[in-house]
Amino acid sequence: MELIEANNSNQEKESKKRSDAYIRAKKKVENLRGFYVHLIVYVVINTFITWQQVAEHIENGHTLQQAFKDNGTYMLWALWGIGLVLHGINVFITNGTFGQNWEERKIKQYMEEDNSQTWK
């Protein structure tokens, strides 16, 4: 009887491990998808805005070269690009400051703090 209970316990643990692994993998895929959507939106929107700015400069009598030399044409690319780079770091550096290990450490920390407060 004890052997059956131990076997069931092992099966439950294995099932929980697979479930946890699936949840972590799903979260990683969602984060990756979010980054790619962000990247596509970044390129499409910035291309459209740059095209409008260049067209406006040309309408105002500037040459194509002058239109592209305007710093305002690149400012949105640069500022939004910083956010995109940070998003990429968060997604692709899994052992970084805010990666999987950080989340697990924080969860353990909060659980330990909660347990220590429960006993007081």
PDB file of N, CA and C in Angstrom:
ATOM      1  N   MET A   1       0.814  -1.191   0.000  1.00  0.00           N
ATOM      2  CA  MET A   1       0.000   0.000   0.000  1.00  0.00           C
ATOM      3  C   MET A   1       0.865   1.266   0.000  1.00  0.00           C
ATOM      4  N   GLU A   2       1.925   1.223   0.811  1.00  0.00           N
ATOM      5  CA  GLU A   2       2.818   2.382   0.873  1.00  0.00           C
ATOM      6  C   GLU A   2       3.525   2.602  -0.456  1.00  0.00           C
ATOM      7  N   LEU A   3       3.800   1.515  -1.156  1.00  0.00           N
ATOM      8  CA  LEU A   3       4.460   1.599  -2.449  1.00  0.00           C
ATOM      9  C   LEU A   3       3.568   2.308  -3.460  1.00  0.00           C
ATOM     10  N   ILE A   4       2.286   2.029  -3.431  1.00  0.00           N
ATOM     11  CA  ILE A   4       1.326   2.679  -4.332  1.00  0.00           C
ATOM     12  C   ILE A   4       1.224   4.161  -4.014  1.00  0.00           C
ATOM     13  N   GLU A   5       1.167   4.500  -2.714  1.00  0.00           N
ATOM     14  CA  GLU A   5       1.088   5.905  -2.308  1.00  0.00           C
ATOM     15  C   GLU A   5       2.352   6.655  -2.718  1.00  0.00           C
ATOM     16  N   ALA A   6       3.511   6.033  -2.568  1.00  0.00           N
ATOM     17  CA  ALA A   6       4.777   6.665  -2.962  1.00  0.00           C
ATOM     18  C   ALA A   6       4.813   6.870  -4.471  1.00  0.00           C
ATOM     19  N   ASN A   7       4.321   5.887  -5.215  1.00  0.00           N
ATOM     20  CA  ASN A   7       4.285   5.991  -6.669  1.00  0.00           C
ATOM     21  C   ASN A   7       3.352   7.122  -7.094  1.00  0.00           C
ATOM     22  N   ASN A   8       2.186   7.217  -6.457  1.00  0.00           N
ATOM     23  CA  ASN A   8       1.256   8.315  -6.760  1.00  0.00           C
ATOM     24  C   ASN A   8       1.861   9.663  -6.429  1.00  0.00           C
ATOM     25  N   SER A   9       2.570   9.721  -5.317  1.00  0.00           N
ATOM     26  CA  SER A   9       3.221  10.968  -4.908  1.00  0.00           C
ATOM     27  C   SER A   9       4.276  11.376  -5.936  1.00  0.00           C
ATOM     28  N   ASN A  10       5.068  10.404  -6.415  1.00  0.00           N
ATOM     29  CA  ASN A  10       6.082  10.695  -7.435  1.00  0.00           C
ATOM     30  C   ASN A  10       5.435  11.156  -8.729  1.00  0.00           C
ATOM     31  N   GLN A  11       4.321  10.530  -9.106  1.00  0.00           N
ATOM     32  CA  GLN A  11       3.623  10.926 -10.324  1.00  0.00           C
ATOM     33  C   GLN A  11       3.075  12.347 -10.198  1.00  0.00           C
ATOM     34  N   GLU A  12       2.555  12.683  -9.023  1.00  0.00           N
ATOM     35  CA  GLU A  12       2.037  14.033  -8.795  1.00  0.00           C
ATOM     36  C   GLU A  12       3.157  15.068  -8.873  1.00  0.00           C
ATOM     37  N   LYS A  13       4.300  14.736  -8.288  1.00  0.00           N
ATOM     38  CA  LYS A  13       5.447  15.648  -8.344  1.00  0.00           C
ATOM     39  C   LYS A  13       5.922  15.846  -9.776  1.00  0.00           C
ATOM     40  N   GLU A  14       5.982  14.744 -10.530  1.00  0.00           N
ATOM     41  CA  GLU A  14       6.411  14.825 -11.919  1.00  0.00           C
ATOM     42  C   GLU A  14       5.424  15.639 -12.745  1.00  0.00           C
ATOM     43  N   SER A  15       4.145  15.440 -12.499  1.00  0.00           N
ATOM     44  CA  SER A  15       3.105  16.195 -13.208  1.00  0.00           C
ATOM     45  C   SER A  15       3.215  17.679 -12.883  1.00  0.00           C
ATOM     46  N   LYS A  16       3.476  17.996 -11.610  1.00  0.00           N
ATOM     47  CA  LYS A  16       3.627  19.399 -11.199  1.00  0.00           C
ATOM     48  C   LYS A  16       4.851  20.014 -11.869  1.00  0.00           C
ATOM     49  N   LYS A  17       5.956  19.277 -11.948  1.00  0.00           N
ATOM     50  CA  LYS A  17       7.156  19.781 -12.600  1.00  0.00           C
ATOM     51  C   LYS A  17       6.884  20.085 -14.072  1.00  0.00           C
ATOM     52  N   ARG A  18       6.177  19.163 -14.759  1.00  0.00           N
ATOM     53  CA  ARG A  18       5.864  19.382 -16.169  1.00  0.00           C
ATOM     54  C   ARG A  18       4.942  20.579 -16.331  1.00  0.00           C
ATOM     55  N   SER A  19       3.998  20.711 -15.418  1.00  0.00           N
ATOM     56  CA  SER A  19       3.071  21.834 -15.476  1.00  0.00           C
ATOM     57  C   SER A  19       3.808  23.152 -15.267  1.00  0.00           C
ATOM     58  N   ASP A  20       4.706  23.184 -14.294  1.00  0.00           N
ATOM     59  CA  ASP A  20       5.493  24.394 -14.034  1.00  0.00           C
ATOM     60  C   ASP A  20       6.394  24.725 -15.224  1.00  0.00           C
ATOM     61  N   ALA A  21       6.998  23.694 -15.821  1.00  0.00           N
ATOM     62  CA  ALA A  21       7.859  23.906 -16.981  1.00  0.00           C
ATOM     63  C   ALA A  21       7.042  24.454 -18.146  1.00  0.00           C
ATOM     64  N   TYR A  22       5.839  23.932 -18.321  1.00  0.00           N
ATOM     65  CA  TYR A  22       4.972  24.423 -19.399  1.00  0.00           C
ATOM     66  C   TYR A  22       4.615  25.888 -19.180  1.00  0.00           C
ATOM     67  N   ILE A  23       4.282  26.242 -17.957  1.00  0.00           N
ATOM     68  CA  ILE A  23       3.917  27.629 -17.641  1.00  0.00           C
ATOM     69  C   ILE A  23       5.100  28.560 -17.911  1.00  0.00           C
ATOM     70  N   ARG A  24       6.311  28.150 -17.502  1.00  0.00           N
ATOM     71  CA  ARG A  24       7.504  28.977 -17.752  1.00  0.00           C
ATOM     72  C   ARG A  24       7.784  29.112 -19.247  1.00  0.00           C
ATOM     73  N   ALA A  25       7.658  28.000 -19.970  1.00  0.00           N
ATOM     74  CA  ALA A  25       7.897  28.037 -21.419  1.00  0.00           C
ATOM     75  C   ALA A  25       6.862  28.916 -22.109  1.00  0.00           C
ATOM     76  N   LYS A  26       5.616  28.819 -21.686  1.00  0.00           N
ATOM     77  CA  LYS A  26       4.555  29.638 -22.280  1.00  0.00           C
ATOM     78  C   LYS A  26       4.826  31.119 -22.024  1.00  0.00           C
ATOM     79  N   LYS A  27       5.266  31.448 -20.821  1.00  0.00           N
ATOM     80  CA  LYS A  27       5.584  32.829 -20.476  1.00  0.00           C
ATOM     81  C   LYS A  27       6.723  33.348 -21.350  1.00  0.00           C
ATOM     82  N   LYS A  28       7.740  32.529 -21.575  1.00  0.00           N
ATOM     83  CA  LYS A  28       8.857  32.938 -22.421  1.00  0.00           C
ATOM     84  C   LYS A  28       8.400  33.204 -23.851  1.00  0.00           C
ATOM     85  N   VAL A  29       7.525  32.329 -24.361  1.00  0.00           N
ATOM     86  CA  VAL A  29       7.011  32.505 -25.719  1.00  0.00           C
ATOM     87  C   VAL A  29       6.182  33.782 -25.807  1.00  0.00           C
ATOM     88  N   GLU A  30       5.364  34.050 -24.783  1.00  0.00           N
ATOM     89  CA  GLU A  30       4.569  35.279 -24.771  1.00  0.00           C
ATOM     90  C   GLU A  30       5.468  36.509 -24.758  1.00  0.00           C
ATOM     91  N   ASN A  31       6.531  36.466 -23.967  1.00  0.00           N
ATOM     92  CA  ASN A  31       7.477  37.591 -23.918  1.00  0.00           C
ATOM     93  C   ASN A  31       8.168  37.786 -25.260  1.00  0.00           C
ATOM     94  N   LEU A  32       8.570  36.687 -25.887  1.00  0.00           N
ATOM     95  CA  LEU A  32       9.221  36.758 -27.189  1.00  0.00           C
ATOM     96  C   LEU A  32       8.265  37.327 -28.235  1.00  0.00           C
ATOM     97  N   ARG A  33       7.039  36.856 -28.228  1.00  0.00           N
ATOM     98  CA  ARG A  33       6.027  37.364 -29.163  1.00  0.00           C
ATOM     99  C   ARG A  33       5.803  38.863 -28.944  1.00  0.00           C
ATOM    100  N   GLY A  34       5.730  39.268 -27.687  1.00  0.00           N
ATOM    101  CA  GLY A  34       5.557  40.685 -27.368  1.00  0.00           C
ATOM    102  C   GLY A  34       6.692  41.534 -27.906  1.00  0.00           C
ATOM    103  N   PHE A  35       7.919  41.010 -27.808  1.00  0.00           N
ATOM    104  CA  PHE A  35       9.063  41.751 -28.335  1.00  0.00           C
ATOM    105  C   PHE A  35       8.966  41.891 -29.849  1.00  0.00           C
ATOM    106  N   TYR A  36       8.634  40.794 -30.531  1.00  0.00           N
ATOM    107  CA  TYR A  36       8.541  40.854 -31.988  1.00  0.00           C
ATOM    108  C   TYR A  36       7.432  41.791 -32.453  1.00  0.00           C
ATOM    109  N   VAL A  37       6.319  41.796 -31.753  1.00  0.00           N
ATOM    110  CA  VAL A  37       5.239  42.744 -32.086  1.00  0.00           C
ATOM    111  C   VAL A  37       5.744  44.170 -31.887  1.00  0.00           C
ATOM    112  N   HIS A  38       6.440  44.409 -30.785  1.00  0.00           N
ATOM    113  CA  HIS A  38       6.998  45.725 -30.502  1.00  0.00           C
ATOM    114  C   HIS A  38       7.960  46.142 -31.621  1.00  0.00           C
ATOM    115  N   LEU A  39       8.806  45.212 -32.060  1.00  0.00           N
ATOM    116  CA  LEU A  39       9.765  45.495 -33.119  1.00  0.00           C
ATOM    117  C   LEU A  39       9.058  45.847 -34.433  1.00  0.00           C
ATOM    118  N   ILE A  40       8.036  45.089 -34.787  1.00  0.00           N
ATOM    119  CA  ILE A  40       7.295  45.355 -36.023  1.00  0.00           C
ATOM    120  C   ILE A  40       6.606  46.713 -35.959  1.00  0.00           C
ATOM    121  N   VAL A  41       5.961  47.006 -34.846  1.00  0.00           N
ATOM    122  CA  VAL A  41       5.289  48.298 -34.687  1.00  0.00           C
ATOM    123  C   VAL A  41       6.307  49.429 -34.758  1.00  0.00           C
ATOM    124  N   TYR A  42       7.452  49.248 -34.123  1.00  0.00           N
ATOM    125  CA  TYR A  42       8.533  50.240 -34.144  1.00  0.00           C
ATOM    126  C   TYR A  42       8.949  50.569 -35.574  1.00  0.00           C
ATOM    127  N   VAL A  43       9.208  49.552 -36.369  1.00  0.00           N
ATOM    128  CA  VAL A  43       9.662  49.760 -37.743  1.00  0.00           C
ATOM    129  C   VAL A  43       8.564  50.399 -38.590  1.00  0.00           C
ATOM    130  N   VAL A  44       7.347  49.877 -38.513  1.00  0.00           N
ATOM    131  CA  VAL A  44       6.255  50.378 -39.361  1.00  0.00           C
ATOM    132  C   VAL A  44       5.918  51.825 -39.019  1.00  0.00           C
ATOM    133  N   ILE A  45       5.698  52.113 -37.753  1.00  0.00           N
ATOM    134  CA  ILE A  45       5.300  53.465 -37.341  1.00  0.00           C
ATOM    135  C   ILE A  45       6.406  54.478 -37.626  1.00  0.00           C
ATOM    136  N   ASN A  46       7.642  54.131 -37.277  1.00  0.00           N
ATOM    137  CA  ASN A  46       8.743  55.066 -37.497  1.00  0.00           C
ATOM    138  C   ASN A  46       9.016  55.289 -38.977  1.00  0.00           C
ATOM    139  N   THR A  47       8.860  54.255 -39.783  1.00  0.00           N
ATOM    140  CA  THR A  47       9.029  54.421 -41.228  1.00  0.00           C
ATOM    141  C   THR A  47       7.981  55.385 -41.768  1.00  0.00           C
ATOM    142  N   PHE A  48       6.739  55.202 -41.349  1.00  0.00           N
ATOM    143  CA  PHE A  48       5.661  56.076 -41.802  1.00  0.00           C
ATOM    144  C   PHE A  48       5.903  57.525 -41.368  1.00  0.00           C
ATOM    145  N   ILE A  49       6.267  57.725 -40.117  1.00  0.00           N
ATOM    146  CA  ILE A  49       6.495  59.085 -39.612  1.00  0.00           C
ATOM    147  C   ILE A  49       7.692  59.726 -40.317  1.00  0.00           C
ATOM    148  N   THR A  50       8.766  58.960 -40.522  1.00  0.00           N
ATOM    149  CA  THR A  50       9.934  59.479 -41.226  1.00  0.00           C
ATOM    150  C   THR A  50       9.570  59.868 -42.646  1.00  0.00           C
ATOM    151  N   TRP A  51       8.801  59.030 -43.333  1.00  0.00           N
ATOM    152  CA  TRP A  51       8.360  59.325 -44.698  1.00  0.00           C
ATOM    153  C   TRP A  51       7.566  60.637 -44.734  1.00  0.00           C
ATOM    154  N   GLN A  52       6.679  60.819 -43.742  1.00  0.00           N
ATOM    155  CA  GLN A  52       5.900  62.066 -43.684  1.00  0.00           C
ATOM    156  C   GLN A  52       6.798  63.276 -43.449  1.00  0.00           C
ATOM    157  N   GLN A  53       7.749  63.154 -42.548  1.00  0.00           N
ATOM    158  CA  GLN A  53       8.645  64.273 -42.251  1.00  0.00           C
ATOM    159  C   GLN A  53       9.508  64.625 -43.457  1.00  0.00           C
ATOM    160  N   VAL A  54      10.010  63.624 -44.142  1.00  0.00           N
ATOM    161  CA  VAL A  54      10.830  63.882 -45.324  1.00  0.00           C
ATOM    162  C   VAL A  54       9.980  64.535 -46.406  1.00  0.00           C
ATOM    163  N   ALA A  55       8.775  64.045 -46.613  1.00  0.00           N
ATOM    164  CA  ALA A  55       7.882  64.636 -47.622  1.00  0.00           C
ATOM    165  C   ALA A  55       7.569  66.088 -47.284  1.00  0.00           C
ATOM    166  N   GLU A  56       7.356  66.372 -46.002  1.00  0.00           N
ATOM    167  CA  GLU A  56       7.077  67.753 -45.573  1.00  0.00           C
ATOM    168  C   GLU A  56       8.282  68.648 -45.837  1.00  0.00           C
ATOM    169  N   HIS A  57       9.472  68.163 -45.553  1.00  0.00           N
ATOM    170  CA  HIS A  57      10.684  68.952 -45.817  1.00  0.00           C
ATOM    171  C   HIS A  57      10.826  69.244 -47.315  1.00  0.00           C
ATOM    172  N   ILE A  58      10.566  68.253 -48.130  1.00  0.00           N
ATOM    173  CA  ILE A  58      10.684  68.437 -49.578  1.00  0.00           C
ATOM    174  C   ILE A  58       9.648  69.450 -50.068  1.00  0.00           C
ATOM    175  N   GLU A  59       8.435  69.394 -49.519  1.00  0.00           N
ATOM    176  CA  GLU A  59       7.407  70.381 -49.880  1.00  0.00           C
ATOM    177  C   GLU A  59       7.832  71.793 -49.514  1.00  0.00           C
ATOM    178  N   ASN A  60       8.597  71.925 -48.451  1.00  0.00           N
ATOM    179  CA  ASN A  60       9.062  73.235 -48.009  1.00  0.00           C
ATOM    180  C   ASN A  60      10.314  73.695 -48.748  1.00  0.00           C
ATOM    181  N   GLY A  61      10.707  72.970 -49.783  1.00  0.00           N
ATOM    182  CA  GLY A  61      11.810  73.416 -50.618  1.00  0.00           C
ATOM    183  C   GLY A  61      13.157  72.829 -50.283  1.00  0.00           C
ATOM    184  N   HIS A  62      13.237  71.924 -49.322  1.00  0.00           N
ATOM    185  CA  HIS A  62      14.513  71.290 -48.998  1.00  0.00           C
ATOM    186  C   HIS A  62      14.789  70.158 -49.971  1.00  0.00           C
ATOM    187  N   THR A  63      16.064  69.848 -50.109  1.00  0.00           N
ATOM    188  CA  THR A  63      16.429  68.696 -50.936  1.00  0.00           C
ATOM    189  C   THR A  63      16.252  67.427 -50.109  1.00  0.00           C
ATOM    190  N   LEU A  64      16.300  66.288 -50.769  1.00  0.00           N
ATOM    191  CA  LEU A  64      16.174  65.006 -50.075  1.00  0.00           C
ATOM    192  C   LEU A  64      17.304  64.839 -49.063  1.00  0.00           C
ATOM    193  N   GLN A  65      18.484  65.269 -49.446  1.00  0.00           N
ATOM    194  CA  GLN A  65      19.632  65.177 -48.546  1.00  0.00           C
ATOM    195  C   GLN A  65      19.426  66.048 -47.305  1.00  0.00           C
ATOM    196  N   GLN A  66      18.921  67.257 -47.488  1.00  0.00           N
ATOM    197  CA  GLN A  66      18.649  68.141 -46.355  1.00  0.00           C
ATOM    198  C   GLN A  66      17.553  67.563 -45.463  1.00  0.00           C
ATOM    199  N   ALA A  67      16.555  66.948 -46.079  1.00  0.00           N
ATOM    200  CA  ALA A  67      15.460  66.368 -45.296  1.00  0.00           C
ATOM    201  C   ALA A  67      15.974  65.259 -44.385  1.00  0.00           C
ATOM    202  N   PHE A  68      16.908  64.458 -44.860  1.00  0.00           N
ATOM    203  CA  PHE A  68      17.438  63.374 -44.046  1.00  0.00           C
ATOM    204  C   PHE A  68      18.484  63.848 -43.040  1.00  0.00           C
ATOM    205  N   LYS A  69      19.044  65.031 -43.250  1.00  0.00           N
ATOM    206  CA  LYS A  69      20.019  65.565 -42.305  1.00  0.00           C
ATOM    207  C   LYS A  69      19.356  66.172 -41.069  1.00  0.00           C
ATOM    208  N   ASP A  70      18.068  66.412 -41.118  1.00  0.00           N
ATOM    209  CA  ASP A  70      17.352  66.996 -39.984  1.00  0.00           C
ATOM    210  C   ASP A  70      17.348  66.012 -38.815  1.00  0.00           C
ATOM    211  N   ASN A  71      17.800  66.464 -37.659  1.00  0.00           N
ATOM    212  CA  ASN A  71      17.864  65.590 -36.476  1.00  0.00           C
ATOM    213  C   ASN A  71      16.484  65.126 -36.022  1.00  0.00           C
ATOM    214  N   GLY A  72      15.473  65.929 -36.255  1.00  0.00           N
ATOM    215  CA  GLY A  72      14.123  65.541 -35.860  1.00  0.00           C
ATOM    216  C   GLY A  72      13.642  64.290 -36.556  1.00  0.00           C
ATOM    217  N   THR A  73      14.197  64.034 -37.730  1.00  0.00           N
ATOM    218  CA  THR A  73      13.823  62.841 -38.481  1.00  0.00           C
ATOM    219  C   THR A  73      14.248  61.575 -37.735  1.00  0.00           C
ATOM    220  N   TYR A  74      15.340  61.635 -37.004  1.00  0.00           N
ATOM    221  CA  TYR A  74      15.869  60.457 -36.327  1.00  0.00           C
ATOM    222  C   TYR A  74      15.560  60.412 -34.834  1.00  0.00           C
ATOM    223  N   MET A  75      15.037  61.485 -34.278  1.00  0.00           N
ATOM    224  CA  MET A  75      14.841  61.547 -32.831  1.00  0.00           C
ATOM    225  C   MET A  75      13.877  60.468 -32.336  1.00  0.00           C
ATOM    226  N   LEU A  76      12.764  60.279 -33.018  1.00  0.00           N
ATOM    227  CA  LEU A  76      11.798  59.263 -32.592  1.00  0.00           C
ATOM    228  C   LEU A  76      12.403  57.866 -32.686  1.00  0.00           C
ATOM    229  N   TRP A  77      13.168  57.618 -33.771  1.00  0.00           N
ATOM    230  CA  TRP A  77      13.835  56.323 -33.903  1.00  0.00           C
ATOM    231  C   TRP A  77      14.745  56.070 -32.697  1.00  0.00           C
ATOM    232  N   ALA A  78      15.499  57.086 -32.314  1.00  0.00           N
ATOM    233  CA  ALA A  78      16.471  56.930 -31.229  1.00  0.00           C
ATOM    234  C   ALA A  78      15.785  56.735 -29.880  1.00  0.00           C
ATOM    235  N   LEU A  79      14.812  57.585 -29.589  1.00  0.00           N
ATOM    236  CA  LEU A  79      14.166  57.498 -28.278  1.00  0.00           C
ATOM    237  C   LEU A  79      13.367  56.206 -28.125  1.00  0.00           C
ATOM    238  N   TRP A  80      12.587  55.881 -29.129  1.00  0.00           N
ATOM    239  CA  TRP A  80      11.811  54.650 -29.072  1.00  0.00           C
ATOM    240  C   TRP A  80      12.754  53.445 -29.122  1.00  0.00           C
ATOM    241  N   GLY A  81      13.863  53.589 -29.831  1.00  0.00           N
ATOM    242  CA  GLY A  81      14.848  52.513 -29.919  1.00  0.00           C
ATOM    243  C   GLY A  81      15.436  52.150 -28.572  1.00  0.00           C
ATOM    244  N   ILE A  82      15.603  53.135 -27.719  1.00  0.00           N
ATOM    245  CA  ILE A  82      16.100  52.861 -26.361  1.00  0.00           C
ATOM    246  C   ILE A  82      15.126  51.935 -25.641  1.00  0.00           C
ATOM    247  N   GLY A  83      13.843  52.244 -25.742  1.00  0.00           N
ATOM    248  CA  GLY A  83      12.831  51.384 -25.122  1.00  0.00           C
ATOM    249  C   GLY A  83      12.825  49.990 -25.719  1.00  0.00           C
ATOM    250  N   LEU A  84      13.011  49.908 -27.026  1.00  0.00           N
ATOM    251  CA  LEU A  84      13.043  48.613 -27.698  1.00  0.00           C
ATOM    252  C   LEU A  84      14.257  47.789 -27.248  1.00  0.00           C
ATOM    253  N   VAL A  85      15.386  48.433 -27.107  1.00  0.00           N
ATOM    254  CA  VAL A  85      16.592  47.738 -26.640  1.00  0.00           C
ATOM    255  C   VAL A  85      16.374  47.213 -25.220  1.00  0.00           C
ATOM    256  N   LEU A  86      15.806  48.026 -24.351  1.00  0.00           N
ATOM    257  CA  LEU A  86      15.531  47.573 -22.987  1.00  0.00           C
ATOM    258  C   LEU A  86      14.563  46.393 -22.981  1.00  0.00           C
ATOM    259  N   HIS A  87      13.540  46.465 -23.824  1.00  0.00           N
ATOM    260  CA  HIS A  87      12.599  45.355 -23.949  1.00  0.00           C
ATOM    261  C   HIS A  87      13.332  44.097 -24.410  1.00  0.00           C
ATOM    262  N   GLY A  88      14.210  44.236 -25.398  1.00  0.00           N
ATOM    263  CA  GLY A  88      14.982  43.103 -25.896  1.00  0.00           C
ATOM    264  C   GLY A  88      15.890  42.507 -24.837  1.00  0.00           C
ATOM    265  N   ILE A  89      16.534  43.351 -24.065  1.00  0.00           N
ATOM    266  CA  ILE A  89      17.397  42.861 -22.984  1.00  0.00           C
ATOM    267  C   ILE A  89      16.577  42.056 -21.997  1.00  0.00           C
ATOM    268  N   ASN A  90      15.402  42.565 -21.649  1.00  0.00           N
ATOM    269  CA  ASN A  90      14.542  41.867 -20.699  1.00  0.00           C
ATOM    270  C   ASN A  90      14.085  40.517 -21.242  1.00  0.00           C
ATOM    271  N   VAL A  91      13.871  40.419 -22.536  1.00  0.00           N
ATOM    272  CA  VAL A  91      13.385  39.175 -23.133  1.00  0.00           C
ATOM    273  C   VAL A  91      14.518  38.182 -23.374  1.00  0.00           C
ATOM    274  N   PHE A  92      15.643  38.638 -23.917  1.00  0.00           N
ATOM    275  CA  PHE A  92      16.678  37.724 -24.375  1.00  0.00           C
ATOM    276  C   PHE A  92      17.739  37.401 -23.338  1.00  0.00           C
ATOM    277  N   ILE A  93      17.899  38.216 -22.324  1.00  0.00           N
ATOM    278  CA  ILE A  93      18.888  37.907 -21.285  1.00  0.00           C
ATOM    279  C   ILE A  93      18.124  37.249 -20.144  1.00  0.00           C
ATOM    280  N   THR A  94      17.965  35.947 -20.264  1.00  0.00           N
ATOM    281  CA  THR A  94      17.110  35.214 -19.330  1.00  0.00           C
ATOM    282  C   THR A  94      17.690  35.131 -17.927  1.00  0.00           C
ATOM    283  N   ASN A  95      18.988  35.209 -17.796  1.00  0.00           N
ATOM    284  CA  ASN A  95      19.596  35.173 -16.470  1.00  0.00           C
ATOM    285  C   ASN A  95      20.015  36.559 -16.007  1.00  0.00           C
ATOM    286  N   GLY A  96      19.472  37.574 -16.646  1.00  0.00           N
ATOM    287  CA  GLY A  96      19.805  38.947 -16.300  1.00  0.00           C
ATOM    288  C   GLY A  96      19.123  39.393 -15.020  1.00  0.00           C
ATOM    289  N   THR A  97      19.164  40.661 -14.790  1.00  0.00           N
ATOM    290  CA  THR A  97      18.612  41.226 -13.572  1.00  0.00           C
ATOM    291  C   THR A  97      17.146  40.891 -13.401  1.00  0.00           C
ATOM    292  N   PHE A  98      16.385  40.938 -14.468  1.00  0.00           N
ATOM    293  CA  PHE A  98      14.957  40.693 -14.360  1.00  0.00           C
ATOM    294  C   PHE A  98      14.543  39.397 -15.050  1.00  0.00           C
ATOM    295  N   GLY A  99      15.449  38.455 -15.199  1.00  0.00           N
ATOM    296  CA  GLY A  99      15.153  37.199 -15.864  1.00  0.00           C
ATOM    297  C   GLY A  99      14.499  36.195 -14.942  1.00  0.00           C
ATOM    298  N   GLN A 100      14.453  34.948 -15.388  1.00  0.00           N
ATOM    299  CA  GLN A 100      13.807  33.852 -14.666  1.00  0.00           C
ATOM    300  C   GLN A 100      14.380  33.686 -13.261  1.00  0.00           C
ATOM    301  N   ASN A 101      15.699  33.709 -13.142  1.00  0.00           N
ATOM    302  CA  ASN A 101      16.311  33.517 -11.828  1.00  0.00           C
ATOM    303  C   ASN A 101      15.922  34.626 -10.867  1.00  0.00           C
ATOM    304  N   TRP A 102      15.829  35.838 -11.369  1.00  0.00           N
ATOM    305  CA  TRP A 102      15.437  36.960 -10.517  1.00  0.00           C
ATOM    306  C   TRP A 102      14.024  36.754 -10.002  1.00  0.00           C
ATOM    307  N   GLU A 103      13.109  36.334 -10.879  1.00  0.00           N
ATOM    308  CA  GLU A 103      11.725  36.106 -10.463  1.00  0.00           C
ATOM    309  C   GLU A 103      11.663  35.028  -9.392  1.00  0.00           C
ATOM    310  N   GLU A 104      12.385  33.931  -9.602  1.00  0.00           N
ATOM    311  CA  GLU A 104      12.372  32.844  -8.632  1.00  0.00           C
ATOM    312  C   GLU A 104      12.963  33.290  -7.303  1.00  0.00           C
ATOM    313  N   ARG A 105      14.056  34.057  -7.350  1.00  0.00           N
ATOM    314  CA  ARG A 105      14.660  34.554  -6.099  1.00  0.00           C
ATOM    315  C   ARG A 105      13.695  35.453  -5.351  1.00  0.00           C
ATOM    316  N   LYS A 106      13.007  36.354  -6.082  1.00  0.00           N
ATOM    317  CA  LYS A 106      12.061  37.263  -5.432  1.00  0.00           C
ATOM    318  C   LYS A 106      10.891  36.499  -4.831  1.00  0.00           C
ATOM    319  N   ILE A 107      10.384  35.503  -5.554  1.00  0.00           N
ATOM    320  CA  ILE A 107       9.276  34.698  -5.024  1.00  0.00           C
ATOM    321  C   ILE A 107       9.699  34.011  -3.729  1.00  0.00           C
ATOM    322  N   LYS A 108      10.884  33.403  -3.741  1.00  0.00           N
ATOM    323  CA  LYS A 108      11.387  32.739  -2.529  1.00  0.00           C
ATOM    324  C   LYS A 108      11.567  33.746  -1.393  1.00  0.00           C
ATOM    325  N   GLN A 109      12.100  34.935  -1.733  1.00  0.00           N
ATOM    326  CA  GLN A 109      12.309  35.962  -0.710  1.00  0.00           C
ATOM    327  C   GLN A 109      10.985  36.358  -0.069  1.00  0.00           C
ATOM    328  N   TYR A 110       9.976  36.624  -0.900  1.00  0.00           N
ATOM    329  CA  TYR A 110       8.681  37.038  -0.366  1.00  0.00           C
ATOM    330  C   TYR A 110       8.001  35.925   0.419  1.00  0.00           C
ATOM    331  N   MET A 111       8.184  34.681  -0.023  1.00  0.00           N
ATOM    332  CA  MET A 111       7.601  33.564   0.714  1.00  0.00           C
ATOM    333  C   MET A 111       8.268  33.415   2.075  1.00  0.00           C
ATOM    334  N   GLU A 112       9.596  33.583   2.115  1.00  0.00           N
ATOM    335  CA  GLU A 112      10.316  33.492   3.383  1.00  0.00           C
ATOM    336  C   GLU A 112       9.912  34.627   4.318  1.00  0.00           C
ATOM    337  N   GLU A 113       9.770  35.828   3.760  1.00  0.00           N
ATOM    338  CA  GLU A 113       9.329  36.965   4.574  1.00  0.00           C
ATOM    339  C   GLU A 113       7.922  36.723   5.119  1.00  0.00           C
ATOM    340  N   ASP A 114       7.056  36.183   4.288  1.00  0.00           N
ATOM    341  CA  ASP A 114       5.691  35.895   4.716  1.00  0.00           C
ATOM    342  C   ASP A 114       5.666  34.832   5.801  1.00  0.00           C
ATOM    343  N   ASN A 115       6.482  33.790   5.631  1.00  0.00           N
ATOM    344  CA  ASN A 115       6.546  32.724   6.626  1.00  0.00           C
ATOM    345  C   ASN A 115       7.103  33.242   7.953  1.00  0.00           C
ATOM    346  N   SER A 116       8.109  34.098   7.889  1.00  0.00           N
ATOM    347  CA  SER A 116       8.689  34.626   9.126  1.00  0.00           C
ATOM    348  C   SER A 116       7.699  35.551   9.847  1.00  0.00           C
ATOM    349  N   GLN A 117       6.890  36.268   9.100  1.00  0.00           N
ATOM    350  CA  GLN A 117       5.882  37.138   9.723  1.00  0.00           C
ATOM    351  C   GLN A 117       4.720  36.325  10.289  1.00  0.00           C
ATOM    352  N   THR A 118       4.438  35.186   9.712  1.00  0.00           N
ATOM    353  CA  THR A 118       3.353  34.330  10.180  1.00  0.00           C
ATOM    354  C   THR A 118       3.675  33.781  11.553  1.00  0.00           C
ATOM    355  N   TRP A 119       4.915  33.479  11.800  1.00  0.00           N
ATOM    356  CA  TRP A 119       5.313  32.874  13.061  1.00  0.00           C
ATOM    357  C   TRP A 119       5.494  33.881  14.181  1.00  0.00           C
ATOM    358  N   LYS A 120       5.441  35.153  13.885  1.00  0.00           N
ATOM    359  CA  LYS A 120       5.619  36.182  14.926  1.00  0.00           C
ATOM    360  C   LYS A 120       4.355  36.432  15.666  1.00  0.00           C
TER     361      LYS A 120
END
